[in-house]
């Protein structure tokens, strides 16, 4: 079965850190760009960060630039999102999905068209 599975979420105090994982099963991740998305209660899903298939290009939304770092380990078939200096407004359900590129436009395409979202992983930041 082809799927992406998110993990690593949890409850953390403001200023703390978490590292999310997006593990692929049933296919090799090294041919795909991967993006992280999040959806807070009562809000629309938004793009957070993405990395190109070769790891050479990355994208960060303005709200996480400088605090989050995306990386990939194709040997482990996994993409990571290191989140530092977390804020209460980062509280959301975080998802990963394949993206056509590490750009803001590619994130919008996925938000509009992707329909195979996984269960996500919950990140809760307390103040």
PDB file of N, CA and C in Angstrom:
ATOM      1  N   UNK A   1       0.847  -1.191   0.000  1.00  0.00           N
ATOM      2  CA  UNK A   1       0.000   0.000   0.000  1.00  0.00           C
ATOM      3  C   UNK A   1       0.883   1.241   0.000  1.00  0.00           C
ATOM      4  N   UNK A   2       0.586   2.161  -0.922  1.00  0.00           N
ATOM      5  CA  UNK A   2       1.353   3.393  -1.043  1.00  0.00           C
ATOM      6  C   UNK A   2       0.790   4.429  -0.082  1.00  0.00           C
ATOM      7  N   UNK A   3       1.631   4.897   0.808  1.00  0.00           N
ATOM      8  CA  UNK A   3       1.133   5.913   1.721  1.00  0.00           C
ATOM      9  C   UNK A   3       2.275   6.677   2.376  1.00  0.00           C
ATOM     10  N   UNK A   4       1.922   7.855   2.897  1.00  0.00           N
ATOM     11  CA  UNK A   4       2.816   8.667   3.711  1.00  0.00           C
ATOM     12  C   UNK A   4       2.231   8.706   5.118  1.00  0.00           C
ATOM     13  N   UNK A   5       3.074   8.500   6.108  1.00  0.00           N
ATOM     14  CA  UNK A   5       2.611   8.469   7.494  1.00  0.00           C
ATOM     15  C   UNK A   5       3.383   9.500   8.304  1.00  0.00           C
ATOM     16  N   UNK A   6       2.620  10.393   8.944  1.00  0.00           N
ATOM     17  CA  UNK A   6       3.224  11.439   9.755  1.00  0.00           C
ATOM     18  C   UNK A   6       3.337  10.983  11.209  1.00  0.00           C
ATOM     19  N   UNK A   7       4.393  11.439  11.880  1.00  0.00           N
ATOM     20  CA  UNK A   7       4.564  11.136  13.296  1.00  0.00           C
ATOM     21  C   UNK A   7       5.451  12.193  13.939  1.00  0.00           C
ATOM     22  N   UNK A   8       5.528  12.161  15.264  1.00  0.00           N
ATOM     23  CA  UNK A   8       6.435  13.048  15.978  1.00  0.00           C
ATOM     24  C   UNK A   8       5.769  14.218  16.676  1.00  0.00           C
ATOM     25  N   UNK A   9       4.470  14.363  16.500  1.00  0.00           N
ATOM     26  CA  UNK A   9       3.784  15.455  17.160  1.00  0.00           C
ATOM     27  C   UNK A   9       3.708  15.253  18.664  1.00  0.00           C
ATOM     28  N   UNK A  10       3.212  16.275  19.349  1.00  0.00           N
ATOM     29  CA  UNK A  10       3.072  16.184  20.789  1.00  0.00           C
ATOM     30  C   UNK A  10       2.710  17.517  21.391  1.00  0.00           C
ATOM     31  N   UNK A  11       2.771  17.546  22.718  1.00  0.00           N
ATOM     32  CA  UNK A  11       2.485  18.761  23.477  1.00  0.00           C
ATOM     33  C   UNK A  11       3.799  19.350  23.954  1.00  0.00           C
ATOM     34  N   UNK A  12       3.999  20.627  23.692  1.00  0.00           N
ATOM     35  CA  UNK A  12       5.243  21.284  24.065  1.00  0.00           C
ATOM     36  C   UNK A  12       4.935  22.710  24.512  1.00  0.00           C
ATOM     37  N   UNK A  13       5.766  23.240  25.378  1.00  0.00           N
ATOM     38  CA  UNK A  13       5.605  24.625  25.805  1.00  0.00           C
ATOM     39  C   UNK A  13       6.143  25.577  24.744  1.00  0.00           C
ATOM     40  N   UNK A  14       5.641  26.783  24.747  1.00  0.00           N
ATOM     41  CA  UNK A  14       6.144  27.810  23.837  1.00  0.00           C
ATOM     42  C   UNK A  14       7.652  27.942  24.006  1.00  0.00           C
ATOM     43  N   UNK A  15       8.335  28.043  22.875  1.00  0.00           N
ATOM     44  CA  UNK A  15       9.787  28.099  22.879  1.00  0.00           C
ATOM     45  C   UNK A  15      10.447  26.744  22.735  1.00  0.00           C
ATOM     46  N   UNK A  16       9.672  25.691  22.841  1.00  0.00           N
ATOM     47  CA  UNK A  16      10.208  24.342  22.737  1.00  0.00           C
ATOM     48  C   UNK A  16      10.373  23.881  21.308  1.00  0.00           C
ATOM     49  N   UNK A  17      10.764  22.607  21.152  1.00  0.00           N
ATOM     50  CA  UNK A  17      11.057  22.042  19.837  1.00  0.00           C
ATOM     51  C   UNK A  17      10.384  20.688  19.664  1.00  0.00           C
ATOM     52  N   UNK A  18      10.093  20.362  18.437  1.00  0.00           N
ATOM     53  CA  UNK A  18       9.617  19.042  18.047  1.00  0.00           C
ATOM     54  C   UNK A  18      10.197  18.720  16.679  1.00  0.00           C
ATOM     55  N   UNK A  19      10.333  17.424  16.393  1.00  0.00           N
ATOM     56  CA  UNK A  19      10.783  16.997  15.072  1.00  0.00           C
ATOM     57  C   UNK A  19       9.757  16.026  14.512  1.00  0.00           C
ATOM     58  N   UNK A  20       9.133  16.430  13.422  1.00  0.00           N
ATOM     59  CA  UNK A  20       8.141  15.600  12.764  1.00  0.00           C
ATOM     60  C   UNK A  20       8.798  14.727  11.701  1.00  0.00           C
ATOM     61  N   UNK A  21       8.213  13.558  11.488  1.00  0.00           N
ATOM     62  CA  UNK A  21       8.683  12.642  10.454  1.00  0.00           C
ATOM     63  C   UNK A  21       7.553  12.326   9.491  1.00  0.00           C
ATOM     64  N   UNK A  22       7.913  12.188   8.225  1.00  0.00           N
ATOM     65  CA  UNK A  22       6.976  11.780   7.182  1.00  0.00           C
ATOM     66  C   UNK A  22       7.606  10.573   6.502  1.00  0.00           C
ATOM     67  N   UNK A  23       7.102   9.407   6.819  1.00  0.00           N
ATOM     68  CA  UNK A  23       7.685   8.170   6.311  1.00  0.00           C
ATOM     69  C   UNK A  23       6.846   7.617   5.172  1.00  0.00           C
ATOM     70  N   UNK A  24       7.537   7.235   4.108  1.00  0.00           N
ATOM     71  CA  UNK A  24       6.851   6.664   2.947  1.00  0.00           C
ATOM     72  C   UNK A  24       6.878   5.150   3.016  1.00  0.00           C
ATOM     73  N   UNK A  25       5.788   4.555   2.636  1.00  0.00           N
ATOM     74  CA  UNK A  25       5.755   3.100   2.513  1.00  0.00           C
ATOM     75  C   UNK A  25       5.123   2.730   1.179  1.00  0.00           C
ATOM     76  N   UNK A  26       5.646   1.695   0.567  1.00  0.00           N
ATOM     77  CA  UNK A  26       5.104   1.234  -0.700  1.00  0.00           C
ATOM     78  C   UNK A  26       5.695   1.919  -1.916  1.00  0.00           C
ATOM     79  N   UNK A  27       6.558   2.925  -1.708  1.00  0.00           N
ATOM     80  CA  UNK A  27       7.207   3.579  -2.832  1.00  0.00           C
ATOM     81  C   UNK A  27       8.475   4.258  -2.341  1.00  0.00           C
ATOM     82  N   UNK A  28       9.365   4.563  -3.286  1.00  0.00           N
ATOM     83  CA  UNK A  28      10.630   5.228  -2.947  1.00  0.00           C
ATOM     84  C   UNK A  28      10.421   6.729  -2.969  1.00  0.00           C
ATOM     85  N   UNK A  29      10.849   7.354  -1.900  1.00  0.00           N
ATOM     86  CA  UNK A  29      10.597   8.786  -1.731  1.00  0.00           C
ATOM     87  C   UNK A  29      11.538   9.644  -2.574  1.00  0.00           C
ATOM     88  N   UNK A  30      12.634   9.075  -3.054  1.00  0.00           N
ATOM     89  CA  UNK A  30      13.680   9.902  -3.654  1.00  0.00           C
ATOM     90  C   UNK A  30      13.299  10.500  -5.003  1.00  0.00           C
ATOM     91  N   UNK A  31      12.139  10.130  -5.546  1.00  0.00           N
ATOM     92  CA  UNK A  31      11.695  10.737  -6.793  1.00  0.00           C
ATOM     93  C   UNK A  31      10.685  11.862  -6.568  1.00  0.00           C
ATOM     94  N   UNK A  32      10.421  12.167  -5.303  1.00  0.00           N
ATOM     95  CA  UNK A  32       9.332  13.087  -4.998  1.00  0.00           C
ATOM     96  C   UNK A  32       9.768  14.248  -4.119  1.00  0.00           C
ATOM     97  N   UNK A  33       9.283  15.445  -4.482  1.00  0.00           N
ATOM     98  CA  UNK A  33       9.320  16.529  -3.527  1.00  0.00           C
ATOM     99  C   UNK A  33       8.254  16.263  -2.480  1.00  0.00           C
ATOM    100  N   UNK A  34       8.505  16.725  -1.262  1.00  0.00           N
ATOM    101  CA  UNK A  34       7.552  16.502  -0.177  1.00  0.00           C
ATOM    102  C   UNK A  34       7.290  17.820   0.535  1.00  0.00           C
ATOM    103  N   UNK A  35       6.046  18.049   0.839  1.00  0.00           N
ATOM    104  CA  UNK A  35       5.660  19.257   1.558  1.00  0.00           C
ATOM    105  C   UNK A  35       4.995  18.941   2.874  1.00  0.00           C
ATOM    106  N   UNK A  36       5.151  19.865   3.811  1.00  0.00           N
ATOM    107  CA  UNK A  36       4.442  19.796   5.088  1.00  0.00           C
ATOM    108  C   UNK A  36       3.340  20.847   5.074  1.00  0.00           C
ATOM    109  N   UNK A  37       2.178  20.460   5.558  1.00  0.00           N
ATOM    110  CA  UNK A  37       1.023  21.321   5.621  1.00  0.00           C
ATOM    111  C   UNK A  37       0.446  21.237   7.027  1.00  0.00           C
ATOM    112  N   UNK A  38      -0.373  22.214   7.399  1.00  0.00           N
ATOM    113  CA  UNK A  38      -0.991  22.146   8.712  1.00  0.00           C
ATOM    114  C   UNK A  38      -2.386  22.750   8.667  1.00  0.00           C
ATOM    115  N   UNK A  39      -3.209  22.300   9.597  1.00  0.00           N
ATOM    116  CA  UNK A  39      -4.560  22.835   9.698  1.00  0.00           C
ATOM    117  C   UNK A  39      -4.887  23.035  11.167  1.00  0.00           C
ATOM    118  N   UNK A  40      -5.103  24.290  11.516  1.00  0.00           N
ATOM    119  CA  UNK A  40      -5.488  24.638  12.879  1.00  0.00           C
ATOM    120  C   UNK A  40      -7.010  24.573  12.997  1.00  0.00           C
ATOM    121  N   UNK A  41      -7.522  24.395  14.198  1.00  0.00           N
ATOM    122  CA  UNK A  41      -8.986  24.335  14.384  1.00  0.00           C
ATOM    123  C   UNK A  41      -9.666  25.575  13.831  1.00  0.00           C
ATOM    124  N   UNK A  42     -10.678  25.372  13.016  1.00  0.00           N
ATOM    125  CA  UNK A  42     -11.440  26.482  12.474  1.00  0.00           C
ATOM    126  C   UNK A  42     -10.771  27.227  11.339  1.00  0.00           C
ATOM    127  N   UNK A  43      -9.618  26.730  10.900  1.00  0.00           N
ATOM    128  CA  UNK A  43      -8.893  27.402   9.825  1.00  0.00           C
ATOM    129  C   UNK A  43      -8.679  26.461   8.650  1.00  0.00           C
ATOM    130  N   UNK A  44      -8.371  27.031   7.501  1.00  0.00           N
ATOM    131  CA  UNK A  44      -8.082  26.219   6.330  1.00  0.00           C
ATOM    132  C   UNK A  44      -6.672  25.631   6.428  1.00  0.00           C
ATOM    133  N   UNK A  45      -6.487  24.526   5.743  1.00  0.00           N
ATOM    134  CA  UNK A  45      -5.164  23.927   5.663  1.00  0.00           C
ATOM    135  C   UNK A  45      -4.228  24.889   4.931  1.00  0.00           C
ATOM    136  N   UNK A  46      -2.970  24.961   5.376  1.00  0.00           N
ATOM    137  CA  UNK A  46      -2.004  25.873   4.764  1.00  0.00           C
ATOM    138  C   UNK A  46      -0.674  25.157   4.558  1.00  0.00           C
ATOM    139  N   UNK A  47       0.081  25.653   3.610  1.00  0.00           N
ATOM    140  CA  UNK A  47       1.410  25.105   3.362  1.00  0.00           C
ATOM    141  C   UNK A  47       2.409  25.662   4.349  1.00  0.00           C
ATOM    142  N   UNK A  48       3.317  24.824   4.811  1.00  0.00           N
ATOM    143  CA  UNK A  48       4.307  25.212   5.810  1.00  0.00           C
ATOM    144  C   UNK A  48       5.714  25.197   5.212  1.00  0.00           C
ATOM    145  N   UNK A  49       6.084  24.088   4.605  1.00  0.00           N
ATOM    146  CA  UNK A  49       7.444  23.942   4.099  1.00  0.00           C
ATOM    147  C   UNK A  49       7.475  22.813   3.084  1.00  0.00           C
ATOM    148  N   UNK A  50       8.452  22.861   2.183  1.00  0.00           N
ATOM    149  CA  UNK A  50       8.610  21.769   1.229  1.00  0.00           C
ATOM    150  C   UNK A  50      10.068  21.634   0.839  1.00  0.00           C
ATOM    151  N   UNK A  51      10.400  20.460   0.298  1.00  0.00           N
ATOM    152  CA  UNK A  51      11.758  20.171  -0.131  1.00  0.00           C
ATOM    153  C   UNK A  51      11.675  19.452  -1.469  1.00  0.00           C
ATOM    154  N   UNK A  52      12.581  19.802  -2.377  1.00  0.00           N
ATOM    155  CA  UNK A  52      12.573  19.196  -3.699  1.00  0.00           C
ATOM    156  C   UNK A  52      13.020  17.738  -3.639  1.00  0.00           C
ATOM    157  N   UNK A  53      12.809  17.018  -4.733  1.00  0.00           N
ATOM    158  CA  UNK A  53      13.105  15.577  -4.752  1.00  0.00           C
ATOM    159  C   UNK A  53      14.580  15.293  -4.480  1.00  0.00           C
ATOM    160  N   UNK A  54      15.452  16.244  -4.874  1.00  0.00           N
ATOM    161  CA  UNK A  54      16.909  16.047  -4.705  1.00  0.00           C
ATOM    162  C   UNK A  54      17.452  16.761  -3.471  1.00  0.00           C
ATOM    163  N   UNK A  55      16.571  17.435  -2.733  1.00  0.00           N
ATOM    164  CA  UNK A  55      17.003  18.108  -1.517  1.00  0.00           C
ATOM    165  C   UNK A  55      17.704  19.433  -1.738  1.00  0.00           C
ATOM    166  N   UNK A  56      17.815  19.873  -2.985  1.00  0.00           N
ATOM    167  CA  UNK A  56      18.571  21.097  -3.280  1.00  0.00           C
ATOM    168  C   UNK A  56      17.768  22.366  -3.026  1.00  0.00           C
ATOM    169  N   UNK A  57      16.457  22.259  -3.062  1.00  0.00           N
ATOM    170  CA  UNK A  57      15.615  23.441  -2.921  1.00  0.00           C
ATOM    171  C   UNK A  57      14.626  23.229  -1.791  1.00  0.00           C
ATOM    172  N   UNK A  58      14.403  24.311  -1.049  1.00  0.00           N
ATOM    173  CA  UNK A  58      13.430  24.268   0.037  1.00  0.00           C
ATOM    174  C   UNK A  58      12.559  25.511  -0.002  1.00  0.00           C
ATOM    175  N   UNK A  59      11.394  25.379   0.606  1.00  0.00           N
ATOM    176  CA  UNK A  59      10.465  26.502   0.711  1.00  0.00           C
ATOM    177  C   UNK A  59       9.949  26.546   2.145  1.00  0.00           C
ATOM    178  N   UNK A  60       9.800  27.766   2.663  1.00  0.00           N
ATOM    179  CA  UNK A  60       9.211  27.969   3.990  1.00  0.00           C
ATOM    180  C   UNK A  60       8.186  29.094   3.906  1.00  0.00           C
ATOM    181  N   UNK A  61       7.076  28.916   4.568  1.00  0.00           N
ATOM    182  CA  UNK A  61       6.126  30.015   4.656  1.00  0.00           C
ATOM    183  C   UNK A  61       6.724  31.095   5.557  1.00  0.00           C
ATOM    184  N   UNK A  62       6.239  32.302   5.397  1.00  0.00           N
ATOM    185  CA  UNK A  62       6.777  33.424   6.165  1.00  0.00           C
ATOM    186  C   UNK A  62       6.625  33.205   7.666  1.00  0.00           C
ATOM    187  N   UNK A  63       5.573  32.507   8.063  1.00  0.00           N
ATOM    188  CA  UNK A  63       5.301  32.337   9.492  1.00  0.00           C
ATOM    189  C   UNK A  63       6.265  31.379  10.182  1.00  0.00           C
ATOM    190  N   UNK A  64       6.980  30.543   9.416  1.00  0.00           N
ATOM    191  CA  UNK A  64       7.888  29.573  10.037  1.00  0.00           C
ATOM    192  C   UNK A  64       9.335  29.779   9.618  1.00  0.00           C
ATOM    193  N   UNK A  65       9.566  30.669   8.648  1.00  0.00           N
ATOM    194  CA  UNK A  65      10.922  30.939   8.172  1.00  0.00           C
ATOM    195  C   UNK A  65      11.829  31.284   9.354  1.00  0.00           C
ATOM    196  N   UNK A  66      12.982  30.630   9.411  1.00  0.00           N
ATOM    197  CA  UNK A  66      13.936  30.901  10.472  1.00  0.00           C
ATOM    198  C   UNK A  66      13.728  30.064  11.724  1.00  0.00           C
ATOM    199  N   UNK A  67      12.587  29.389  11.831  1.00  0.00           N
ATOM    200  CA  UNK A  67      12.312  28.551  13.014  1.00  0.00           C
ATOM    201  C   UNK A  67      12.211  27.068  12.653  1.00  0.00           C
ATOM    202  N   UNK A  68      11.728  26.772  11.463  1.00  0.00           N
ATOM    203  CA  UNK A  68      11.553  25.378  11.025  1.00  0.00           C
ATOM    204  C   UNK A  68      12.622  25.034   9.986  1.00  0.00           C
ATOM    205  N   UNK A  69      13.032  23.764   9.975  1.00  0.00           N
ATOM    206  CA  UNK A  69      13.986  23.281   8.981  1.00  0.00           C
ATOM    207  C   UNK A  69      13.491  21.952   8.438  1.00  0.00           C
ATOM    208  N   UNK A  70      13.374  21.871   7.115  1.00  0.00           N
ATOM    209  CA  UNK A  70      12.960  20.637   6.473  1.00  0.00           C
ATOM    210  C   UNK A  70      14.194  19.924   5.943  1.00  0.00           C
ATOM    211  N   UNK A  71      14.174  18.597   6.019  1.00  0.00           N
ATOM    212  CA  UNK A  71      15.291  17.806   5.522  1.00  0.00           C
ATOM    213  C   UNK A  71      14.768  16.452   5.074  1.00  0.00           C
ATOM    214  N   UNK A  72      15.617  15.708   4.389  1.00  0.00           N
ATOM    215  CA  UNK A  72      15.212  14.387   3.936  1.00  0.00           C
ATOM    216  C   UNK A  72      16.339  13.399   4.084  1.00  0.00           C
ATOM    217  N   UNK A  73      15.984  12.158   4.346  1.00  0.00           N
ATOM    218  CA  UNK A  73      16.933  11.051   4.400  1.00  0.00           C
ATOM    219  C   UNK A  73      16.340   9.959   3.521  1.00  0.00           C
ATOM    220  N   UNK A  74      16.765   9.932   2.271  1.00  0.00           N
ATOM    221  CA  UNK A  74      16.176   8.975   1.337  1.00  0.00           C
ATOM    222  C   UNK A  74      16.548   7.532   1.686  1.00  0.00           C
ATOM    223  N   UNK A  75      17.646   7.342   2.366  1.00  0.00           N
ATOM    224  CA  UNK A  75      18.006   5.987   2.795  1.00  0.00           C
ATOM    225  C   UNK A  75      16.977   5.437   3.777  1.00  0.00           C
ATOM    226  N   UNK A  76      16.359   6.358   4.542  1.00  0.00           N
ATOM    227  CA  UNK A  76      15.323   5.962   5.489  1.00  0.00           C
ATOM    228  C   UNK A  76      13.921   6.211   4.935  1.00  0.00           C
ATOM    229  N   UNK A  77      13.872   6.690   3.678  1.00  0.00           N
ATOM    230  CA  UNK A  77      12.580   6.959   3.030  1.00  0.00           C
ATOM    231  C   UNK A  77      11.708   7.906   3.856  1.00  0.00           C
ATOM    232  N   UNK A  78      12.368   8.928   4.416  1.00  0.00           N
ATOM    233  CA  UNK A  78      11.686   9.810   5.371  1.00  0.00           C
ATOM    234  C   UNK A  78      12.078  11.266   5.147  1.00  0.00           C
ATOM    235  N   UNK A  79      11.104  12.145   5.310  1.00  0.00           N
ATOM    236  CA  UNK A  79      11.328  13.588   5.320  1.00  0.00           C
ATOM    237  C   UNK A  79      11.008  14.094   6.722  1.00  0.00           C
ATOM    238  N   UNK A  80      11.819  15.040   7.187  1.00  0.00           N
ATOM    239  CA  UNK A  80      11.680  15.561   8.547  1.00  0.00           C
ATOM    240  C   UNK A  80      11.326  17.038   8.542  1.00  0.00           C
ATOM    241  N   UNK A  81      10.699  17.474   9.624  1.00  0.00           N
ATOM    242  CA  UNK A  81      10.469  18.893   9.857  1.00  0.00           C
ATOM    243  C   UNK A  81      10.885  19.198  11.284  1.00  0.00           C
ATOM    244  N   UNK A  82      12.046  19.833  11.416  1.00  0.00           N
ATOM    245  CA  UNK A  82      12.524  20.257  12.733  1.00  0.00           C
ATOM    246  C   UNK A  82      11.889  21.603  13.054  1.00  0.00           C
ATOM    247  N   UNK A  83      11.180  21.657  14.154  1.00  0.00           N
ATOM    248  CA  UNK A  83      10.456  22.864  14.533  1.00  0.00           C
ATOM    249  C   UNK A  83      11.030  23.390  15.845  1.00  0.00           C
ATOM    250  N   UNK A  84      11.623  24.560  15.793  1.00  0.00           N
ATOM    251  CA  UNK A  84      12.210  25.195  16.961  1.00  0.00           C
ATOM    252  C   UNK A  84      11.455  26.466  17.321  1.00  0.00           C
ATOM    253  N   UNK A  85      11.656  26.912  18.553  1.00  0.00           N
ATOM    254  CA  UNK A  85      11.026  28.152  19.012  1.00  0.00           C
ATOM    255  C   UNK A  85       9.525  28.139  18.698  1.00  0.00           C
ATOM    256  N   UNK A  86       8.874  27.065  19.063  1.00  0.00           N
ATOM    257  CA  UNK A  86       7.456  26.908  18.751  1.00  0.00           C
ATOM    258  C   UNK A  86       6.602  27.941  19.472  1.00  0.00           C
ATOM    259  N   UNK A  87       5.531  28.335  18.802  1.00  0.00           N
ATOM    260  CA  UNK A  87       4.605  29.339  19.319  1.00  0.00           C
ATOM    261  C   UNK A  87       3.201  28.727  19.435  1.00  0.00           C
ATOM    262  N   UNK A  88       2.364  29.268  20.269  1.00  0.00           N
ATOM    263  CA  UNK A  88       0.988  28.736  20.363  1.00  0.00           C
ATOM    264  C   UNK A  88       0.272  28.716  19.021  1.00  0.00           C
ATOM    265  N   UNK A  89       0.585  29.678  18.152  1.00  0.00           N
ATOM    266  CA  UNK A  89      -0.075  29.717  16.845  1.00  0.00           C
ATOM    267  C   UNK A  89       0.399  28.614  15.906  1.00  0.00           C
ATOM    268  N   UNK A  90       1.415  27.863  16.294  1.00  0.00           N
ATOM    269  CA  UNK A  90       1.839  26.697  15.512  1.00  0.00           C
ATOM    270  C   UNK A  90       0.981  25.469  15.823  1.00  0.00           C
ATOM    271  N   UNK A  91       0.117  25.582  16.799  1.00  0.00           N
ATOM    272  CA  UNK A  91      -0.768  24.468  17.146  1.00  0.00           C
ATOM    273  C   UNK A  91      -1.658  24.109  15.962  1.00  0.00           C
ATOM    274  N   UNK A  92      -1.583  22.851  15.546  1.00  0.00           N
ATOM    275  CA  UNK A  92      -2.330  22.401  14.367  1.00  0.00           C
ATOM    276  C   UNK A  92      -2.103  20.915  14.173  1.00  0.00           C
ATOM    277  N   UNK A  93      -2.885  20.351  13.262  1.00  0.00           N
ATOM    278  CA  UNK A  93      -2.649  19.000  12.767  1.00  0.00           C
ATOM    279  C   UNK A  93      -1.737  19.133  11.556  1.00  0.00           C
ATOM    280  N   UNK A  94      -0.610  18.441  11.588  1.00  0.00           N
ATOM    281  CA  UNK A  94       0.392  18.566  10.538  1.00  0.00           C
ATOM    282  C   UNK A  94       0.333  17.342   9.618  1.00  0.00           C
ATOM    283  N   UNK A  95       0.381  17.614   8.311  1.00  0.00           N
ATOM    284  CA  UNK A  95       0.298  16.586   7.289  1.00  0.00           C
ATOM    285  C   UNK A  95       1.473  16.719   6.325  1.00  0.00           C
ATOM    286  N   UNK A  96       1.816  15.625   5.653  1.00  0.00           N
ATOM    287  CA  UNK A  96       2.775  15.699   4.560  1.00  0.00           C
ATOM    288  C   UNK A  96       2.124  15.149   3.288  1.00  0.00           C
ATOM    289  N   UNK A  97       2.646  15.601   2.167  1.00  0.00           N
ATOM    290  CA  UNK A  97       2.109  15.181   0.876  1.00  0.00           C
ATOM    291  C   UNK A  97       3.169  15.380  -0.187  1.00  0.00           C
ATOM    292  N   UNK A  98       3.098  14.634  -1.282  1.00  0.00           N
ATOM    293  CA  UNK A  98       4.021  14.875  -2.396  1.00  0.00           C
ATOM    294  C   UNK A  98       3.713  16.238  -3.013  1.00  0.00           C
ATOM    295  N   UNK A  99       4.754  16.933  -3.440  1.00  0.00           N
ATOM    296  CA  UNK A  99       4.584  18.227  -4.088  1.00  0.00           C
ATOM    297  C   UNK A  99       5.387  18.243  -5.383  1.00  0.00           C
ATOM    298  N   UNK A 100       4.922  19.007  -6.384  1.00  0.00           N
ATOM    299  CA  UNK A 100       5.647  19.061  -7.656  1.00  0.00           C
ATOM    300  C   UNK A 100       6.902  19.909  -7.622  1.00  0.00           C
ATOM    301  N   UNK A 101       7.097  20.668  -6.552  1.00  0.00           N
ATOM    302  CA  UNK A 101       8.293  21.479  -6.429  1.00  0.00           C
ATOM    303  C   UNK A 101       8.328  22.178  -5.090  1.00  0.00           C
ATOM    304  N   UNK A 102       9.467  22.733  -4.756  1.00  0.00           N
ATOM    305  CA  UNK A 102       9.621  23.423  -3.464  1.00  0.00           C
ATOM    306  C   UNK A 102       9.348  24.909  -3.653  1.00  0.00           C
ATOM    307  N   UNK A 103       8.107  25.229  -3.971  1.00  0.00           N
ATOM    308  CA  UNK A 103       7.707  26.609  -4.186  1.00  0.00           C
ATOM    309  C   UNK A 103       6.338  26.856  -3.561  1.00  0.00           C
ATOM    310  N   UNK A 104       6.026  28.128  -3.367  1.00  0.00           N
ATOM    311  CA  UNK A 104       4.716  28.479  -2.820  1.00  0.00           C
ATOM    312  C   UNK A 104       3.602  28.045  -3.781  1.00  0.00           C
ATOM    313  N   UNK A 105       3.866  28.199  -5.076  1.00  0.00           N
ATOM    314  CA  UNK A 105       2.850  27.830  -6.063  1.00  0.00           C
ATOM    315  C   UNK A 105       2.552  26.336  -6.025  1.00  0.00           C
ATOM    316  N   UNK A 106       3.589  25.528  -5.845  1.00  0.00           N
ATOM    317  CA  UNK A 106       3.393  24.078  -5.774  1.00  0.00           C
ATOM    318  C   UNK A 106       2.560  23.703  -4.559  1.00  0.00           C
ATOM    319  N   UNK A 107       2.757  24.411  -3.472  1.00  0.00           N
ATOM    320  CA  UNK A 107       1.973  24.144  -2.273  1.00  0.00           C
ATOM    321  C   UNK A 107       0.500  24.445  -2.534  1.00  0.00           C
ATOM    322  N   UNK A 108       0.228  25.519  -3.263  1.00  0.00           N
ATOM    323  CA  UNK A 108      -1.156  25.887  -3.562  1.00  0.00           C
ATOM    324  C   UNK A 108      -1.821  24.823  -4.432  1.00  0.00           C
ATOM    325  N   UNK A 109      -1.067  24.293  -5.394  1.00  0.00           N
ATOM    326  CA  UNK A 109      -1.603  23.236  -6.256  1.00  0.00           C
ATOM    327  C   UNK A 109      -2.047  22.036  -5.418  1.00  0.00           C
ATOM    328  N   UNK A 110      -1.204  21.638  -4.477  1.00  0.00           N
ATOM    329  CA  UNK A 110      -1.537  20.484  -3.648  1.00  0.00           C
ATOM    330  C   UNK A 110      -2.735  20.783  -2.758  1.00  0.00           C
ATOM    331  N   UNK A 111      -2.777  21.981  -2.192  1.00  0.00           N
ATOM    332  CA  UNK A 111      -3.921  22.351  -1.344  1.00  0.00           C
ATOM    333  C   UNK A 111      -5.222  22.294  -2.136  1.00  0.00           C
ATOM    334  N   UNK A 112      -5.141  22.634  -3.424  1.00  0.00           N
ATOM    335  CA  UNK A 112      -6.346  22.650  -4.254  1.00  0.00           C
ATOM    336  C   UNK A 112      -6.749  21.270  -4.746  1.00  0.00           C
ATOM    337  N   UNK A 113      -5.750  20.397  -4.990  1.00  0.00           N
ATOM    338  CA  UNK A 113      -6.044  19.174  -5.745  1.00  0.00           C
ATOM    339  C   UNK A 113      -5.823  17.866  -5.000  1.00  0.00           C
ATOM    340  N   UNK A 114      -4.999  17.848  -3.991  1.00  0.00           N
ATOM    341  CA  UNK A 114      -4.642  16.582  -3.326  1.00  0.00           C
ATOM    342  C   UNK A 114      -5.792  16.101  -2.469  1.00  0.00           C
ATOM    343  N   UNK A 115      -6.093  14.809  -2.553  1.00  0.00           N
ATOM    344  CA  UNK A 115      -7.216  14.287  -1.781  1.00  0.00           C
ATOM    345  C   UNK A 115      -6.873  12.995  -1.036  1.00  0.00           C
ATOM    346  N   UNK A 116      -5.584  12.745  -0.832  1.00  0.00           N
ATOM    347  CA  UNK A 116      -5.168  11.520  -0.152  1.00  0.00           C
ATOM    348  C   UNK A 116      -4.441  11.834   1.150  1.00  0.00           C
ATOM    349  N   UNK A 117      -4.948  12.832   1.846  1.00  0.00           N
ATOM    350  CA  UNK A 117      -4.321  13.219   3.106  1.00  0.00           C
ATOM    351  C   UNK A 117      -4.366  12.072   4.116  1.00  0.00           C
ATOM    352  N   UNK A 118      -3.271  11.916   4.836  1.00  0.00           N
ATOM    353  CA  UNK A 118      -3.201  10.930   5.899  1.00  0.00           C
ATOM    354  C   UNK A 118      -3.841  11.464   7.170  1.00  0.00           C
ATOM    355  N   UNK A 119      -3.682  10.747   8.274  1.00  0.00           N
ATOM    356  CA  UNK A 119      -4.289  11.170   9.536  1.00  0.00           C
ATOM    357  C   UNK A 119      -3.602  12.381  10.152  1.00  0.00           C
ATOM    358  N   UNK A 120      -2.353  12.656   9.754  1.00  0.00           N
ATOM    359  CA  UNK A 120      -1.624  13.780  10.321  1.00  0.00           C
ATOM    360  C   UNK A 120      -1.087  13.476  11.704  1.00  0.00           C
ATOM    361  N   UNK A 121      -0.330  14.432  12.232  1.00  0.00           N
ATOM    362  CA  UNK A 121       0.186  14.325  13.595  1.00  0.00           C
ATOM    363  C   UNK A 121      -0.082  15.650  14.305  1.00  0.00           C
ATOM    364  N   UNK A 122      -0.612  15.562  15.522  1.00  0.00           N
ATOM    365  CA  UNK A 122      -1.049  16.760  16.242  1.00  0.00           C
ATOM    366  C   UNK A 122       0.122  17.426  16.952  1.00  0.00           C
ATOM    367  N   UNK A 123       0.243  18.718  16.745  1.00  0.00           N
ATOM    368  CA  UNK A 123       1.213  19.540  17.465  1.00  0.00           C
ATOM    369  C   UNK A 123       0.430  20.548  18.293  1.00  0.00           C
ATOM    370  N   UNK A 124       0.679  20.553  19.595  1.00  0.00           N
ATOM    371  CA  UNK A 124       0.014  21.486  20.489  1.00  0.00           C
ATOM    372  C   UNK A 124       1.071  22.254  21.275  1.00  0.00           C
ATOM    373  N   UNK A 125       1.030  23.580  21.171  1.00  0.00           N
ATOM    374  CA  UNK A 125       2.006  24.431  21.847  1.00  0.00           C
ATOM    375  C   UNK A 125       1.271  25.242  22.893  1.00  0.00           C
ATOM    376  N   UNK A 126       1.658  25.060  24.143  1.00  0.00           N
ATOM    377  CA  UNK A 126       1.016  25.780  25.236  1.00  0.00           C
ATOM    378  C   UNK A 126       1.787  27.061  25.537  1.00  0.00           C
ATOM    379  N   UNK A 127       1.037  28.067  25.976  1.00  0.00           N
ATOM    380  CA  UNK A 127       1.676  29.360  26.261  1.00  0.00           C
ATOM    381  C   UNK A 127       2.154  29.434  27.695  1.00  0.00           C
TER     382      UNK A 127
END
